[in-house]
Amino acid sequence: MDVRDFVRKQEAALKRYRRIYKLLDFSAITLILYLLLFYLKIDLVFPLLSSFEVRAETSYDILGISIAFGTAALILIAAFFSLIITFILHLRDDRTKALLLLENKHPELRERLRTAYDNANINNLIVSDLLDSVSSGIKKITSSSLLIKGKVLFGMILILVSSTTMVYVVQNDIRTDLISPDDIKDIIDELPFMNGNEDVSGDLFEIDDPGSEDRNPGNEDLTGETAVIVVEGKEVDLTLPPGAGSGFTNQEEADQADEDFDQSSPYEISIISSPTYNEKLPEGYESIIRSYFEEMANK
């Protein structure tokens, strides 16, 4: 048997076995995380979040099976965190080459297998004798000798137990009462990267402190620079049209007004106010302006 060909086959088998270990761990951790997320009612939180409330009632057809959005979201979340955990668990895995592992498992090949592998292309009596003896020894070795059966068995048992438990919990809708979806939503809303917590102070209309001494209601510029606030992601202009604030005075100023004031107009109020009253008024301020003229007409 060719020594180099034998070592290459064993190396390929070893890589395949190591991928199996990672796949078993990933599957088991995903099932456990999904079970935990379902038990904590995470799928009931999505309808409460503005980013997912539209999709919360939808479902997806996958291979003829209808999967609700909440279920699909839990699977993706569990798989994402399982991938991270699996990577961390296998970060310091033993990466010993197959050749060294074979020598450790078969002491009769120690040093001899490496020597034969390194000198396989040399033709002399000593190397040929070594290759013959090593070749006869590796004929009894199979790739399964590199498989750690305990890891595979433990992974399969963990998957079986977690999947059985998950099916039972989901079918009977077993949930925790220690925490509610609203509590989880409050926790999520506190996260700095959530859309609802972005800093929009630059887009908000700044309102003066009512207790400030510098505040003068009579000097407010209602028709000056555009004042904008943000409501549910939409900008709303709070600027009043010109003339919207005229004709109204503070109650204290009204009490101090000259009571001997005589109306200078020789015409009746109804005559001069009627045309203005029926003019096309600024949209959104019709009721305010009409109330003003009605008050004027009663004086």
Protein backbone atom coordinates (compact mmCIF):
# COMPACT_ATOMS: atom_id res chain seq x y z
CA MET A 1 0.00 0.00 0.00
CA ASP A 2 1.30 3.46 -0.92
CA VAL A 3 2.13 5.28 2.32
CA ARG A 4 1.55 8.78 0.96
CA ASP A 5 -1.83 7.85 -0.50
CA PHE A 6 -2.81 6.23 2.79
CA VAL A 7 -1.91 9.36 4.82
CA ARG A 8 -3.84 11.64 2.42
CA LYS A 9 -6.98 9.50 2.81
CA GLN A 10 -6.69 9.53 6.58
CA GLU A 11 -6.23 13.33 6.60
CA ALA A 12 -9.39 13.81 4.50
CA ALA A 13 -11.34 11.49 6.82
CA LEU A 14 -10.10 13.38 9.88
CA LYS A 15 -11.30 16.72 8.45
CA ARG A 16 -14.68 15.16 7.69
CA TYR A 17 -15.03 13.86 11.25
CA ARG A 18 -14.16 17.26 12.71
CA ARG A 19 -16.88 18.87 10.58
CA ILE A 20 -19.33 16.31 11.92
CA TYR A 21 -18.48 17.27 15.51
CA LYS A 22 -19.17 20.93 14.74
CA LEU A 23 -22.41 20.16 12.94
CA LEU A 24 -23.70 18.06 15.84
CA ASP A 25 -22.84 20.80 18.34
CA PHE A 26 -24.44 23.48 16.15
CA SER A 27 -27.67 21.48 15.76
CA ALA A 28 -27.95 20.70 19.47
CA ILE A 29 -27.26 24.29 20.57
CA THR A 30 -29.77 25.64 18.01
CA LEU A 31 -32.51 23.37 19.34
CA ILE A 32 -31.76 24.32 22.95
CA LEU A 33 -31.73 28.05 22.17
CA TYR A 34 -35.00 27.81 20.21
CA LEU A 35 -36.58 25.98 23.14
CA LEU A 36 -35.38 28.69 25.53
CA LEU A 37 -36.62 31.55 23.31
CA PHE A 38 -40.04 29.92 22.91
CA TYR A 39 -40.31 29.33 26.65
CA LEU A 40 -39.52 33.02 27.30
CA LYS A 41 -42.29 34.13 24.85
CA ILE A 42 -39.91 35.94 22.52
CA ASP A 43 -42.14 35.15 19.52
CA LEU A 44 -45.00 37.10 21.19
CA VAL A 45 -42.86 40.23 21.35
CA PHE A 46 -42.65 40.76 17.56
CA PRO A 47 -46.24 42.11 17.18
CA LEU A 48 -45.39 44.74 19.83
CA LEU A 49 -42.33 46.06 17.96
CA SER A 50 -42.96 48.68 15.28
CA SER A 51 -40.26 47.16 13.04
CA PHE A 52 -42.00 43.76 12.91
CA GLU A 53 -45.69 44.46 13.60
CA VAL A 54 -46.55 44.36 9.87
CA ARG A 55 -44.91 40.96 9.34
CA ALA A 56 -45.96 39.45 12.67
CA GLU A 57 -49.13 37.87 11.27
CA THR A 58 -47.55 36.54 8.07
CA SER A 59 -46.36 33.00 7.34
CA TYR A 60 -44.02 31.34 4.86
CA ASP A 61 -44.46 28.16 2.83
CA ILE A 62 -41.27 26.08 2.98
CA LEU A 63 -41.36 22.64 1.32
CA GLY A 64 -45.15 22.62 1.63
CA ILE A 65 -45.07 23.49 5.33
CA SER A 66 -46.51 26.79 6.55
CA ILE A 67 -44.19 28.43 9.07
CA ALA A 68 -45.33 31.51 11.00
CA PHE A 69 -43.13 34.58 11.04
CA GLY A 70 -42.55 34.27 14.79
CA THR A 71 -41.34 30.68 14.42
CA ALA A 72 -39.05 31.54 11.51
CA ALA A 73 -37.63 34.50 13.43
CA LEU A 74 -36.90 32.34 16.49
CA ILE A 75 -35.12 29.77 14.31
CA LEU A 76 -32.93 32.46 12.72
CA ILE A 77 -32.09 34.03 16.08
CA ALA A 78 -31.27 30.64 17.61
CA ALA A 79 -29.13 29.66 14.59
CA PHE A 80 -27.24 32.97 14.69
CA PHE A 81 -26.27 32.68 18.35
CA SER A 82 -25.62 28.94 17.97
CA LEU A 83 -23.12 29.70 15.21
CA ILE A 84 -21.24 32.08 17.51
CA ILE A 85 -21.26 29.64 20.44
CA THR A 86 -20.13 26.72 18.25
CA PHE A 87 -17.28 28.81 16.86
CA ILE A 88 -16.13 29.68 20.39
CA LEU A 89 -16.39 26.06 21.59
CA HIS A 90 -14.22 24.78 18.74
CA LEU A 91 -11.80 27.68 18.71
CA ARG A 92 -9.17 25.65 20.58
CA ASP A 93 -9.83 22.25 19.05
CA ASP A 94 -6.98 19.79 18.66
CA ARG A 95 -5.62 20.25 15.12
CA THR A 96 -3.06 17.47 15.24
CA LYS A 97 -2.32 15.94 11.84
CA ALA A 98 -3.68 12.53 10.99
CA LEU A 99 -0.18 11.08 10.68
CA LEU A 100 0.66 11.90 14.31
CA LEU A 101 -2.72 10.68 15.56
CA LEU A 102 -2.23 7.36 13.80
CA GLU A 103 1.19 6.90 15.40
CA ASN A 104 -0.28 7.69 18.85
CA LYS A 105 -3.07 5.17 18.37
CA HIS A 106 -0.76 2.52 16.95
CA PRO A 107 2.55 2.48 18.88
CA GLU A 108 4.11 -0.05 16.49
CA LEU A 109 4.10 2.66 13.80
CA ARG A 110 5.60 5.40 15.97
CA GLU A 111 8.42 7.23 14.15
CA ARG A 112 8.39 4.58 11.42
CA LEU A 113 5.25 5.96 9.67
CA ARG A 114 6.63 9.51 9.54
CA THR A 115 10.01 8.28 8.32
CA ALA A 116 8.40 6.20 5.57
CA TYR A 117 6.16 9.14 4.57
CA ASP A 118 9.09 11.59 4.34
CA ASN A 119 11.31 9.17 2.35
CA ALA A 120 8.71 7.53 0.13
CA ASN A 121 10.41 8.85 -3.02
CA ILE A 122 13.88 7.54 -2.14
CA ASN A 123 14.95 4.24 -3.71
CA ASN A 124 17.42 2.25 -1.64
CA LEU A 125 17.46 -1.02 0.26
CA ILE A 126 16.83 0.45 3.73
CA VAL A 127 13.90 2.68 2.65
CA SER A 128 12.36 -0.12 0.60
CA ASP A 129 12.48 -2.47 3.61
CA LEU A 130 10.92 0.24 5.81
CA LEU A 131 8.16 0.94 3.29
CA ASP A 132 7.32 -2.75 3.03
CA SER A 133 7.04 -3.19 6.80
CA VAL A 134 4.97 0.00 7.23
CA SER A 135 2.69 -0.91 4.31
CA SER A 136 1.91 -4.29 5.84
CA GLY A 137 1.11 -2.57 9.14
CA ILE A 138 -1.26 0.10 7.80
CA LYS A 139 -3.36 -2.43 5.90
CA LYS A 140 -5.19 -3.22 9.14
CA ILE A 141 -5.90 0.44 9.93
CA THR A 142 -9.23 2.01 8.94
CA SER A 143 -10.30 5.66 8.92
CA SER A 144 -12.81 5.02 11.70
CA SER A 145 -9.88 4.72 14.12
CA LEU A 146 -9.61 8.52 13.97
CA LEU A 147 -13.28 9.02 14.85
CA ILE A 148 -13.99 10.04 18.46
CA LYS A 149 -17.12 7.97 18.97
CA GLY A 150 -17.84 9.53 22.37
CA LYS A 151 -18.30 12.99 20.81
CA VAL A 152 -20.64 11.68 18.14
CA LEU A 153 -22.70 9.67 20.64
CA PHE A 154 -23.00 12.60 23.05
CA GLY A 155 -24.04 14.97 20.24
CA MET A 156 -26.72 12.60 18.95
CA ILE A 157 -28.16 12.00 22.43
CA LEU A 158 -28.24 15.76 23.09
CA ILE A 159 -30.05 16.39 19.80
CA LEU A 160 -32.57 13.62 20.50
CA VAL A 161 -33.36 14.86 24.01
CA SER A 162 -33.58 18.54 23.06
CA SER A 163 -35.75 17.90 19.98
CA THR A 164 -38.14 15.68 21.95
CA THR A 165 -38.43 18.30 24.69
CA MET A 166 -38.95 21.07 22.13
CA VAL A 167 -41.80 19.21 20.42
CA TYR A 168 -43.51 18.59 23.76
CA VAL A 169 -43.13 22.20 24.92
CA VAL A 170 -44.33 23.70 21.61
CA GLN A 171 -47.32 21.38 21.24
CA ASN A 172 -48.48 22.06 24.81
CA ASP A 173 -47.57 25.77 24.60
CA ILE A 174 -45.61 25.70 27.85
CA ARG A 175 -44.47 29.25 28.69
CA THR A 176 -42.97 31.05 31.64
CA ASP A 177 -45.06 33.39 33.81
CA LEU A 178 -42.04 35.15 35.32
CA ILE A 179 -41.75 37.61 32.43
CA SER A 180 -44.29 39.05 29.98
CA PRO A 181 -43.86 40.14 26.33
CA ASP A 182 -44.33 43.77 27.45
CA ASP A 183 -41.41 43.43 29.87
CA ILE A 184 -39.21 42.04 27.12
CA LYS A 185 -40.32 44.85 24.77
CA ASP A 186 -39.29 47.42 27.38
CA ILE A 187 -35.86 45.79 27.62
CA ILE A 188 -35.47 45.80 23.83
CA ASP A 189 -36.56 49.43 23.61
CA GLU A 190 -33.78 50.36 26.01
CA LEU A 191 -31.12 49.03 23.64
CA PRO A 192 -29.17 51.93 22.07
CA PHE A 193 -29.26 50.55 18.52
CA MET A 194 -33.06 50.28 18.32
CA ASN A 195 -34.71 52.74 15.89
CA GLY A 196 -36.94 54.16 18.58
CA ASN A 197 -33.93 55.28 20.61
CA GLU A 198 -32.07 57.17 17.90
CA ASP A 199 -31.12 60.74 18.72
CA VAL A 200 -33.55 63.01 16.86
CA SER A 201 -33.06 66.06 19.07
CA GLY A 202 -31.74 68.00 16.08
CA ASP A 203 -35.11 67.62 14.32
CA LEU A 204 -37.30 68.56 17.29
CA PHE A 205 -38.85 71.95 17.92
CA GLU A 206 -37.23 73.39 21.01
CA ILE A 207 -39.77 74.63 23.58
CA ASP A 208 -38.71 77.12 26.24
CA ASP A 209 -38.94 76.25 29.90
CA PRO A 210 -42.24 77.63 31.31
CA GLY A 211 -40.37 78.80 34.41
CA SER A 212 -37.73 80.73 32.52
CA GLU A 213 -37.54 84.44 33.35
CA ASP A 214 -36.54 85.29 29.79
CA ARG A 215 -39.75 83.98 28.35
CA ASN A 216 -42.02 86.65 26.86
CA PRO A 217 -45.19 85.23 25.26
CA GLY A 218 -46.00 88.53 23.67
CA ASN A 219 -42.77 88.56 21.69
CA GLU A 220 -42.98 85.05 20.24
CA ASP A 221 -42.24 84.94 16.54
CA LEU A 222 -44.88 82.52 15.26
CA THR A 223 -44.17 83.29 11.61
CA GLY A 224 -40.35 83.35 11.77
CA GLU A 225 -38.06 80.42 10.97
CA THR A 226 -39.75 77.14 10.22
CA ALA A 227 -40.33 75.01 13.34
CA VAL A 228 -40.42 71.28 12.68
CA ILE A 229 -41.14 68.29 14.89
CA VAL A 230 -40.86 64.60 13.99
CA VAL A 231 -43.95 62.42 14.57
CA GLU A 232 -43.64 58.69 13.73
CA GLY A 233 -40.82 59.41 11.31
CA LYS A 234 -42.64 62.26 9.49
CA GLU A 235 -41.74 65.95 9.71
CA VAL A 236 -44.61 68.24 10.74
CA ASP A 237 -44.35 72.03 10.15
CA LEU A 238 -45.61 74.01 13.16
CA THR A 239 -45.15 77.45 11.58
CA LEU A 240 -48.34 79.56 11.63
CA PRO A 241 -49.23 81.62 8.53
CA PRO A 242 -48.81 85.42 8.70
CA GLY A 243 -51.52 87.15 10.69
CA ALA A 244 -52.56 84.03 12.58
CA GLY A 245 -51.56 85.52 15.91
CA SER A 246 -52.97 89.02 15.45
CA GLY A 247 -56.07 90.18 17.29
CA PHE A 248 -55.47 88.13 20.44
CA THR A 249 -54.00 89.61 23.62
CA ASN A 250 -53.01 88.33 27.01
CA GLN A 251 -55.83 88.43 29.60
CA GLU A 252 -53.77 90.66 31.93
CA GLU A 253 -53.08 93.08 29.09
CA ALA A 254 -56.77 93.13 28.19
CA ASP A 255 -57.69 94.16 31.76
CA GLN A 256 -55.29 97.09 31.56
CA ALA A 257 -56.57 98.30 28.18
CA ASP A 258 -58.22 101.75 27.80
CA GLU A 259 -61.92 101.24 28.62
CA ASP A 260 -62.85 104.64 27.05
CA PHE A 261 -61.92 103.42 23.60
CA ASP A 262 -64.56 104.36 21.03
CA GLN A 263 -64.94 102.56 17.78
CA SER A 264 -63.94 104.94 14.98
CA SER A 265 -65.71 103.13 12.20
CA PRO A 266 -69.04 104.75 11.20
CA TYR A 267 -70.23 101.46 9.74
CA GLU A 268 -71.80 98.49 11.41
CA ILE A 269 -69.44 95.64 12.18
CA SER A 270 -71.51 93.18 10.24
CA ILE A 271 -71.07 95.27 7.09
CA ILE A 272 -67.28 95.31 7.14
CA SER A 273 -66.75 91.85 8.62
CA SER A 274 -69.03 89.84 6.37
CA PRO A 275 -66.79 89.86 3.28
CA THR A 276 -63.72 88.94 5.31
CA TYR A 277 -65.59 86.26 7.20
CA ASN A 278 -66.43 84.45 3.96
CA GLU A 279 -62.96 84.75 2.44
CA LYS A 280 -60.94 81.63 1.73
CA LEU A 281 -59.18 81.03 5.05
CA PRO A 282 -55.81 79.29 5.62
CA GLU A 283 -56.28 75.55 5.86
CA GLY A 284 -56.39 74.34 9.46
CA TYR A 285 -57.18 77.71 11.02
CA GLU A 286 -60.78 78.32 9.84
CA SER A 287 -62.36 77.72 13.25
CA ILE A 288 -59.89 80.01 15.06
CA ILE A 289 -60.37 82.94 12.66
CA ARG A 290 -64.15 82.57 12.61
CA SER A 291 -64.26 82.55 16.40
CA TYR A 292 -62.26 85.78 16.37
CA PHE A 293 -64.71 87.58 14.09
CA GLU A 294 -67.71 86.29 16.05
CA GLU A 295 -66.19 87.72 19.25
CA MET A 296 -65.58 91.02 17.47
CA ALA A 297 -69.13 91.12 16.26
CA ASN A 298 -70.52 90.70 19.80
CA LYS A 299 -68.64 93.75 21.17
